[in-house]
PDB file of N, CA and C in Angstrom:
ATOM      1  N   MET A   1      34.433  17.020 -43.726  1.00  0.00           N
ATOM      2  CA  MET A   1      35.015  16.472 -42.519  1.00  0.00           C
ATOM      3  C   MET A   1      35.482  17.589 -41.599  1.00  0.00           C
ATOM      4  N   HIS A   2      36.005  18.629 -42.201  1.00  0.00           N
ATOM      5  CA  HIS A   2      36.489  19.752 -41.426  1.00  0.00           C
ATOM      6  C   HIS A   2      35.350  20.422 -40.647  1.00  0.00           C
ATOM      7  N   ASP A   3      34.169  20.491 -41.242  1.00  0.00           N
ATOM      8  CA  ASP A   3      33.002  21.085 -40.574  1.00  0.00           C
ATOM      9  C   ASP A   3      32.577  20.260 -39.366  1.00  0.00           C
ATOM     10  N   ILE A   4      32.650  18.957 -39.429  1.00  0.00           N
ATOM     11  CA  ILE A   4      32.262  18.098 -38.316  1.00  0.00           C
ATOM     12  C   ILE A   4      33.174  18.336 -37.122  1.00  0.00           C
ATOM     13  N   LEU A   5      34.441  18.471 -37.352  1.00  0.00           N
ATOM     14  CA  LEU A   5      35.380  18.707 -36.258  1.00  0.00           C
ATOM     15  C   LEU A   5      35.176  20.090 -35.639  1.00  0.00           C
ATOM     16  N   GLN A   6      34.813  21.063 -36.452  1.00  0.00           N
ATOM     17  CA  GLN A   6      34.592  22.407 -35.921  1.00  0.00           C
ATOM     18  C   GLN A   6      33.298  22.467 -35.100  1.00  0.00           C
ATOM     19  N   ASN A   7      32.292  21.717 -35.467  1.00  0.00           N
ATOM     20  CA  ASN A   7      31.006  21.729 -34.764  1.00  0.00           C
ATOM     21  C   ASN A   7      31.052  20.924 -33.462  1.00  0.00           C
ATOM     22  N   LYS A   8      32.091  20.159 -33.269  1.00  0.00           N
ATOM     23  CA  LYS A   8      32.207  19.358 -32.060  1.00  0.00           C
ATOM     24  C   LYS A   8      32.445  20.284 -30.869  1.00  0.00           C
ATOM     25  N   MET A   9      31.576  20.123 -29.841  1.00  0.00           N
ATOM     26  CA  MET A   9      31.667  20.995 -28.670  1.00  0.00           C
ATOM     27  C   MET A   9      32.677  20.433 -27.681  1.00  0.00           C
ATOM     28  N   SER A  10      33.272  21.340 -26.939  1.00  0.00           N
ATOM     29  CA  SER A  10      34.185  20.909 -25.892  1.00  0.00           C
ATOM     30  C   SER A  10      33.357  20.412 -24.700  1.00  0.00           C
ATOM     31  N   PHE A  11      34.034  19.782 -23.764  1.00  0.00           N
ATOM     32  CA  PHE A  11      33.350  19.232 -22.585  1.00  0.00           C
ATOM     33  C   PHE A  11      32.710  20.350 -21.764  1.00  0.00           C
ATOM     34  N   LYS A  12      33.405  21.466 -21.607  1.00  0.00           N
ATOM     35  CA  LYS A  12      32.862  22.594 -20.852  1.00  0.00           C
ATOM     36  C   LYS A  12      31.607  23.151 -21.505  1.00  0.00           C
ATOM     37  N   GLU A  13      31.608  23.230 -22.783  1.00  0.00           N
ATOM     38  CA  GLU A  13      30.431  23.727 -23.503  1.00  0.00           C
ATOM     39  C   GLU A  13      29.249  22.781 -23.341  1.00  0.00           C
ATOM     40  N   LYS A  14      29.523  21.481 -23.374  1.00  0.00           N
ATOM     41  CA  LYS A  14      28.448  20.504 -23.180  1.00  0.00           C
ATOM     42  C   LYS A  14      27.866  20.619 -21.772  1.00  0.00           C
ATOM     43  N   VAL A  15      28.734  20.760 -20.790  1.00  0.00           N
ATOM     44  CA  VAL A  15      28.282  20.900 -19.408  1.00  0.00           C
ATOM     45  C   VAL A  15      27.457  22.171 -19.254  1.00  0.00           C
ATOM     46  N   ALA A  16      27.922  23.267 -19.843  1.00  0.00           N
ATOM     47  CA  ALA A  16      27.214  24.540 -19.749  1.00  0.00           C
ATOM     48  C   ALA A  16      25.846  24.437 -20.419  1.00  0.00           C
ATOM     49  N   GLN A  17      25.771  23.788 -21.548  1.00  0.00           N
ATOM     50  CA  GLN A  17      24.507  23.632 -22.257  1.00  0.00           C
ATOM     51  C   GLN A  17      23.552  22.744 -21.451  1.00  0.00           C
ATOM     52  N   THR A  18      24.067  21.668 -20.900  1.00  0.00           N
ATOM     53  CA  THR A  18      23.250  20.781 -20.083  1.00  0.00           C
ATOM     54  C   THR A  18      22.774  21.502 -18.831  1.00  0.00           C
ATOM     55  N   TYR A  19      23.644  22.289 -18.221  1.00  0.00           N
ATOM     56  CA  TYR A  19      23.295  23.055 -17.024  1.00  0.00           C
ATOM     57  C   TYR A  19      22.152  24.014 -17.332  1.00  0.00           C
ATOM     58  N   LYS A  20      22.258  24.733 -18.433  1.00  0.00           N
ATOM     59  CA  LYS A  20      21.208  25.678 -18.815  1.00  0.00           C
ATOM     60  C   LYS A  20      19.899  24.955 -19.105  1.00  0.00           C
ATOM     61  N   LEU A  21      19.977  23.777 -19.662  1.00  0.00           N
ATOM     62  CA  LEU A  21      18.783  23.033 -20.041  1.00  0.00           C
ATOM     63  C   LEU A  21      18.065  22.465 -18.822  1.00  0.00           C
ATOM     64  N   TYR A  22      18.800  21.913 -17.867  1.00  0.00           N
ATOM     65  CA  TYR A  22      18.178  21.207 -16.743  1.00  0.00           C
ATOM     66  C   TYR A  22      18.091  22.007 -15.454  1.00  0.00           C
ATOM     67  N   PHE A  23      18.663  23.209 -15.402  1.00  0.00           N
ATOM     68  CA  PHE A  23      18.649  23.994 -14.170  1.00  0.00           C
ATOM     69  C   PHE A  23      17.235  24.291 -13.663  1.00  0.00           C
ATOM     70  N   PRO A  24      16.288  24.715 -14.514  1.00  0.00           N
ATOM     71  CA  PRO A  24      14.927  24.960 -13.998  1.00  0.00           C
ATOM     72  C   PRO A  24      14.275  23.699 -13.414  1.00  0.00           C
ATOM     73  N   TYR A  25      14.537  22.559 -14.017  1.00  0.00           N
ATOM     74  CA  TYR A  25      13.981  21.306 -13.498  1.00  0.00           C
ATOM     75  C   TYR A  25      14.598  20.949 -12.144  1.00  0.00           C
ATOM     76  N   PHE A  26      15.882  21.232 -12.008  1.00  0.00           N
ATOM     77  CA  PHE A  26      16.578  20.964 -10.754  1.00  0.00           C
ATOM     78  C   PHE A  26      15.996  21.839  -9.636  1.00  0.00           C
ATOM     79  N   ILE A  27      15.786  23.108  -9.919  1.00  0.00           N
ATOM     80  CA  ILE A  27      15.189  24.018  -8.933  1.00  0.00           C
ATOM     81  C   ILE A  27      13.773  23.571  -8.597  1.00  0.00           C
ATOM     82  N   ALA A  28      12.990  23.186  -9.601  1.00  0.00           N
ATOM     83  CA  ALA A  28      11.623  22.715  -9.357  1.00  0.00           C
ATOM     84  C   ALA A  28      11.635  21.456  -8.491  1.00  0.00           C
ATOM     85  N   LEU A  29      12.581  20.583  -8.696  1.00  0.00           N
ATOM     86  CA  LEU A  29      12.695  19.365  -7.899  1.00  0.00           C
ATOM     87  C   LEU A  29      13.021  19.685  -6.443  1.00  0.00           C
ATOM     88  N   ILE A  30      13.906  20.637  -6.230  1.00  0.00           N
ATOM     89  CA  ILE A  30      14.253  21.046  -4.867  1.00  0.00           C
ATOM     90  C   ILE A  30      13.044  21.666  -4.173  1.00  0.00           C
ATOM     91  N   VAL A  31      12.335  22.544  -4.867  1.00  0.00           N
ATOM     92  CA  VAL A  31      11.144  23.182  -4.288  1.00  0.00           C
ATOM     93  C   VAL A  31      10.091  22.129  -3.971  1.00  0.00           C
ATOM     94  N   LEU A  32       9.876  21.186  -4.861  1.00  0.00           N
ATOM     95  CA  LEU A  32       8.913  20.116  -4.621  1.00  0.00           C
ATOM     96  C   LEU A  32       9.300  19.283  -3.410  1.00  0.00           C
ATOM     97  N   ALA A  33      10.581  18.963  -3.285  1.00  0.00           N
ATOM     98  CA  ALA A  33      11.041  18.183  -2.132  1.00  0.00           C
ATOM     99  C   ALA A  33      10.807  18.943  -0.833  1.00  0.00           C
ATOM    100  N   LEU A  34      11.060  20.244  -0.818  1.00  0.00           N
ATOM    101  CA  LEU A  34      10.831  21.044   0.384  1.00  0.00           C
ATOM    102  C   LEU A  34       9.356  21.128   0.735  1.00  0.00           C
ATOM    103  N   VAL A  35       8.503  21.278  -0.256  1.00  0.00           N
ATOM    104  CA  VAL A  35       7.058  21.329  -0.010  1.00  0.00           C
ATOM    105  C   VAL A  35       6.561  19.996   0.535  1.00  0.00           C
ATOM    106  N   LEU A  36       7.000  18.905  -0.049  1.00  0.00           N
ATOM    107  CA  LEU A  36       6.595  17.585   0.437  1.00  0.00           C
ATOM    108  C   LEU A  36       7.102  17.335   1.851  1.00  0.00           C
ATOM    109  N   TRP A  37       8.320  17.772   2.150  1.00  0.00           N
ATOM    110  CA  TRP A  37       8.862  17.624   3.500  1.00  0.00           C
ATOM    111  C   TRP A  37       8.027  18.416   4.502  1.00  0.00           C
ATOM    112  N   HIS A  38       7.619  19.615   4.125  1.00  0.00           N
ATOM    113  CA  HIS A  38       6.802  20.447   5.007  1.00  0.00           C
ATOM    114  C   HIS A  38       5.432  19.805   5.250  1.00  0.00           C
ATOM    115  N   ILE A  39       4.817  19.280   4.213  1.00  0.00           N
ATOM    116  CA  ILE A  39       3.513  18.603   4.365  1.00  0.00           C
ATOM    117  C   ILE A  39       3.665  17.370   5.250  1.00  0.00           C
ATOM    118  N   PHE A  40       4.700  16.591   5.050  1.00  0.00           N
ATOM    119  CA  PHE A  40       4.951  15.418   5.879  1.00  0.00           C
ATOM    120  C   PHE A  40       5.134  15.827   7.334  1.00  0.00           C
ATOM    121  N   ASP A  41       5.864  16.912   7.559  1.00  0.00           N
ATOM    122  CA  ASP A  41       6.089  17.395   8.924  1.00  0.00           C
ATOM    123  C   ASP A  41       4.777  17.863   9.555  1.00  0.00           C
ATOM    124  N   LEU A  42       3.906  18.487   8.789  1.00  0.00           N
ATOM    125  CA  LEU A  42       2.612  18.920   9.310  1.00  0.00           C
ATOM    126  C   LEU A  42       1.733  17.743   9.694  1.00  0.00           C
ATOM    127  N   LEU A  43       1.846  16.651   8.968  1.00  0.00           N
ATOM    128  CA  LEU A  43       1.002  15.490   9.250  1.00  0.00           C
ATOM    129  C   LEU A  43       1.568  14.592  10.342  1.00  0.00           C
ATOM    130  N   ILE A  44       2.877  14.478  10.450  1.00  0.00           N
ATOM    131  CA  ILE A  44       3.494  13.491  11.332  1.00  0.00           C
ATOM    132  C   ILE A  44       4.326  14.121  12.448  1.00  0.00           C
ATOM    133  N   GLY A  45       4.756  15.351  12.339  1.00  0.00           N
ATOM    134  CA  GLY A  45       5.706  15.947  13.276  1.00  0.00           C
ATOM    135  C   GLY A  45       5.152  16.225  14.665  1.00  0.00           C
ATOM    136  N   ASP A  46       5.962  16.910  15.478  1.00  0.00           N
ATOM    137  CA  ASP A  46       5.597  17.226  16.857  1.00  0.00           C
ATOM    138  C   ASP A  46       4.411  18.176  16.943  1.00  0.00           C
ATOM    139  N   LYS A  47       4.241  19.017  15.971  1.00  0.00           N
ATOM    140  CA  LYS A  47       3.128  19.964  15.938  1.00  0.00           C
ATOM    141  C   LYS A  47       2.193  19.585  14.786  1.00  0.00           C
ATOM    142  N   SER A  48       1.826  18.343  14.738  1.00  0.00           N
ATOM    143  CA  SER A  48       1.128  17.829  13.580  1.00  0.00           C
ATOM    144  C   SER A  48      -0.378  17.804  13.775  1.00  0.00           C
ATOM    145  N   LEU A  49      -1.047  17.426  12.713  1.00  0.00           N
ATOM    146  CA  LEU A  49      -2.486  17.272  12.729  1.00  0.00           C
ATOM    147  C   LEU A  49      -2.900  16.148  13.665  1.00  0.00           C
ATOM    148  N   MET A  50      -2.121  15.084  13.718  1.00  0.00           N
ATOM    149  CA  MET A  50      -2.446  13.960  14.596  1.00  0.00           C
ATOM    150  C   MET A  50      -2.406  14.383  16.065  1.00  0.00           C
ATOM    151  N   VAL A  51      -1.422  15.175  16.424  1.00  0.00           N
ATOM    152  CA  VAL A  51      -1.314  15.674  17.798  1.00  0.00           C
ATOM    153  C   VAL A  51      -2.497  16.578  18.112  1.00  0.00           C
ATOM    154  N   LEU A  52      -2.873  17.416  17.173  1.00  0.00           N
ATOM    155  CA  LEU A  52      -4.003  18.310  17.364  1.00  0.00           C
ATOM    156  C   LEU A  52      -5.291  17.527  17.600  1.00  0.00           C
ATOM    157  N   LEU A  53      -5.514  16.500  16.813  1.00  0.00           N
ATOM    158  CA  LEU A  53      -6.727  15.689  16.992  1.00  0.00           C
ATOM    159  C   LEU A  53      -6.728  14.981  18.343  1.00  0.00           C
ATOM    160  N   THR A  54      -5.589  14.478  18.759  1.00  0.00           N
ATOM    161  CA  THR A  54      -5.472  13.828  20.066  1.00  0.00           C
ATOM    162  C   THR A  54      -5.752  14.823  21.191  1.00  0.00           C
ATOM    163  N   LEU A  55      -5.247  16.026  21.063  1.00  0.00           N
ATOM    164  CA  LEU A  55      -5.487  17.042  22.083  1.00  0.00           C
ATOM    165  C   LEU A  55      -6.956  17.443  22.146  1.00  0.00           C
ATOM    166  N   TRP A  56      -7.632  17.468  21.008  1.00  0.00           N
ATOM    167  CA  TRP A  56      -9.070  17.763  21.016  1.00  0.00           C
ATOM    168  C   TRP A  56      -9.838  16.677  21.758  1.00  0.00           C
ATOM    169  N   GLU A  57      -9.466  15.416  21.546  1.00  0.00           N
ATOM    170  CA  GLU A  57     -10.111  14.315  22.264  1.00  0.00           C
ATOM    171  C   GLU A  57      -9.868  14.438  23.763  1.00  0.00           C
ATOM    172  N   GLN A  58      -8.646  14.746  24.161  1.00  0.00           N
ATOM    173  CA  GLN A  58      -8.325  14.916  25.576  1.00  0.00           C
ATOM    174  C   GLN A  58      -9.090  16.092  26.173  1.00  0.00           C
ATOM    175  N   GLU A  59      -9.258  17.148  25.396  1.00  0.00           N
ATOM    176  CA  GLU A  59     -10.012  18.309  25.872  1.00  0.00           C
ATOM    177  C   GLU A  59     -11.460  17.926  26.169  1.00  0.00           C
ATOM    178  N   ASP A  60     -12.072  17.147  25.283  1.00  0.00           N
ATOM    179  CA  ASP A  60     -13.445  16.695  25.518  1.00  0.00           C
ATOM    180  C   ASP A  60     -13.545  15.844  26.780  1.00  0.00           C
ATOM    181  N   LEU A  61     -12.574  14.938  26.975  1.00  0.00           N
ATOM    182  CA  LEU A  61     -12.581  14.101  28.178  1.00  0.00           C
ATOM    183  C   LEU A  61     -12.409  14.938  29.439  1.00  0.00           C
ATOM    184  N   LEU A  62     -11.516  15.907  29.407  1.00  0.00           N
ATOM    185  CA  LEU A  62     -11.284  16.752  30.574  1.00  0.00           C
ATOM    186  C   LEU A  62     -12.485  17.643  30.878  1.00  0.00           C
ATOM    187  N   GLU A  63     -13.143  18.125  29.854  1.00  0.00           N
ATOM    188  CA  GLU A  63     -14.352  18.923  30.089  1.00  0.00           C
ATOM    189  C   GLU A  63     -15.437  18.086  30.757  1.00  0.00           C
ATOM    190  N   GLY A  64     -15.561  16.825  30.343  1.00  0.00           N
ATOM    191  CA  GLY A  64     -16.503  15.919  30.996  1.00  0.00           C
ATOM    192  C   GLY A  64     -16.136  15.678  32.451  1.00  0.00           C
ATOM    193  N   SER A  65     -14.854  15.528  32.727  1.00  0.00           N
ATOM    194  CA  SER A  65     -14.395  15.333  34.105  1.00  0.00           C
ATOM    195  C   SER A  65     -14.673  16.562  34.958  1.00  0.00           C
ATOM    196  N   VAL A  66     -14.425  17.732  34.402  1.00  0.00           N
ATOM    197  CA  VAL A  66     -14.671  18.972  35.138  1.00  0.00           C
ATOM    198  C   VAL A  66     -16.154  19.074  35.485  1.00  0.00           C
ATOM    199  N   LYS A  67     -17.019  18.757  34.541  1.00  0.00           N
ATOM    200  CA  LYS A  67     -18.469  18.808  34.791  1.00  0.00           C
ATOM    201  C   LYS A  67     -18.844  17.829  35.906  1.00  0.00           C
ATOM    202  N   PHE A  68     -18.295  16.620  35.869  1.00  0.00           N
ATOM    203  CA  PHE A  68     -18.594  15.618  36.897  1.00  0.00           C
ATOM    204  C   PHE A  68     -18.135  16.098  38.271  1.00  0.00           C
ATOM    205  N   TYR A  69     -16.910  16.628  38.347  1.00  0.00           N
ATOM    206  CA  TYR A  69     -16.378  17.061  39.639  1.00  0.00           C
ATOM    207  C   TYR A  69     -17.105  18.293  40.174  1.00  0.00           C
ATOM    208  N   LYS A  70     -17.598  19.145  39.296  1.00  0.00           N
ATOM    209  CA  LYS A  70     -18.402  20.282  39.749  1.00  0.00           C
ATOM    210  C   LYS A  70     -19.708  19.788  40.380  1.00  0.00           C
ATOM    211  N   GLN A  71     -20.326  18.788  39.739  1.00  0.00           N
ATOM    212  CA  GLN A  71     -21.558  18.221  40.304  1.00  0.00           C
ATOM    213  C   GLN A  71     -21.264  17.542  41.642  1.00  0.00           C
ATOM    214  N   GLN A  72     -20.181  16.807  41.705  1.00  0.00           N
ATOM    215  CA  GLN A  72     -19.784  16.135  42.936  1.00  0.00           C
ATOM    216  C   GLN A  72     -19.510  17.155  44.041  1.00  0.00           C
ATOM    217  N   ASN A  73     -18.838  18.234  43.703  1.00  0.00           N
ATOM    218  CA  ASN A  73     -18.534  19.288  44.656  1.00  0.00           C
ATOM    219  C   ASN A  73     -19.824  19.937  45.177  1.00  0.00           C
ATOM    220  N   ALA A  74     -20.759  20.222  44.288  1.00  0.00           N
ATOM    221  CA  ALA A  74     -22.025  20.826  44.710  1.00  0.00           C
ATOM    222  C   ALA A  74     -22.777  19.887  45.658  1.00  0.00           C
ATOM    223  N   TYR A  75     -22.792  18.600  45.342  1.00  0.00           N
ATOM    224  CA  TYR A  75     -23.466  17.626  46.210  1.00  0.00           C
ATOM    225  C   TYR A  75     -22.797  17.571  47.586  1.00  0.00           C
ATOM    226  N   LEU A  76     -21.469  17.522  47.615  1.00  0.00           N
ATOM    227  CA  LEU A  76     -20.762  17.456  48.897  1.00  0.00           C
ATOM    228  C   LEU A  76     -20.918  18.747  49.708  1.00  0.00           C
ATOM    229  N   GLN A  77     -20.927  19.896  49.049  1.00  0.00           N
ATOM    230  CA  GLN A  77     -21.165  21.135  49.770  1.00  0.00           C
ATOM    231  C   GLN A  77     -22.554  21.158  50.392  1.00  0.00           C
ATOM    232  N   LYS A  78     -23.531  20.616  49.674  1.00  0.00           N
ATOM    233  CA  LYS A  78     -24.906  20.527  50.200  1.00  0.00           C
ATOM    234  C   LYS A  78     -24.925  19.618  51.415  1.00  0.00           C
ATOM    235  N   GLU A  79     -24.231  18.475  51.330  1.00  0.00           N
ATOM    236  CA  GLU A  79     -24.169  17.536  52.464  1.00  0.00           C
ATOM    237  C   GLU A  79     -23.515  18.189  53.684  1.00  0.00           C
ATOM    238  N   ILE A  80     -22.409  18.882  53.452  1.00  0.00           N
ATOM    239  CA  ILE A  80     -21.717  19.571  54.555  1.00  0.00           C
ATOM    240  C   ILE A  80     -22.611  20.620  55.178  1.00  0.00           C
ATOM    241  N   PHE A  81     -23.293  21.383  54.341  1.00  0.00           N
ATOM    242  CA  PHE A  81     -24.184  22.421  54.846  1.00  0.00           C
ATOM    243  C   PHE A  81     -25.298  21.830  55.695  1.00  0.00           C
ATOM    244  N   GLU A  82     -25.851  20.689  55.264  1.00  0.00           N
ATOM    245  CA  GLU A  82     -26.922  20.045  56.036  1.00  0.00           C
ATOM    246  C   GLU A  82     -26.366  19.465  57.331  1.00  0.00           C
ATOM    247  N   LEU A  83     -25.152  18.914  57.320  1.00  0.00           N
ATOM    248  CA  LEU A  83     -24.574  18.326  58.522  1.00  0.00           C
ATOM    249  C   LEU A  83     -24.216  19.412  59.559  1.00  0.00           C
ATOM    250  N   VAL A  84     -23.740  20.534  59.084  1.00  0.00           N
ATOM    251  CA  VAL A  84     -23.359  21.603  59.999  1.00  0.00           C
ATOM    252  C   VAL A  84     -24.613  22.221  60.626  1.00  0.00           C
ATOM    253  N   GLY A  85     -25.733  22.143  59.944  1.00  0.00           N
ATOM    254  CA  GLY A  85     -27.000  22.609  60.496  1.00  0.00           C
ATOM    255  C   GLY A  85     -27.386  23.983  59.985  1.00  0.00           C
ATOM    256  N   GLY A  86     -27.101  24.225  58.741  1.00  0.00           N
ATOM    257  CA  GLY A  86     -27.416  25.524  58.191  1.00  0.00           C
ATOM    258  C   GLY A  86     -28.760  25.661  57.677  1.00  0.00           C
TER     259      GLY A  86
END
């Protein structure tokens, strides 16, 4: 009976043992949460993949508009040149 009482750990010792046992898992959990938060931010945030794809679509539309307006400008310059009598 005396041995059982001596082997009984105090509360501080139990906490210290538990801390040593679970500390690496706690750090791994924090690192995992930060990595997941960063990935979520890359996919959904202000500088995200979705914004990038939308900007690429807008770039294609604007390039098409620029091409159209260049053709329109060339046609109108030709008309002006013919009207002025060049």
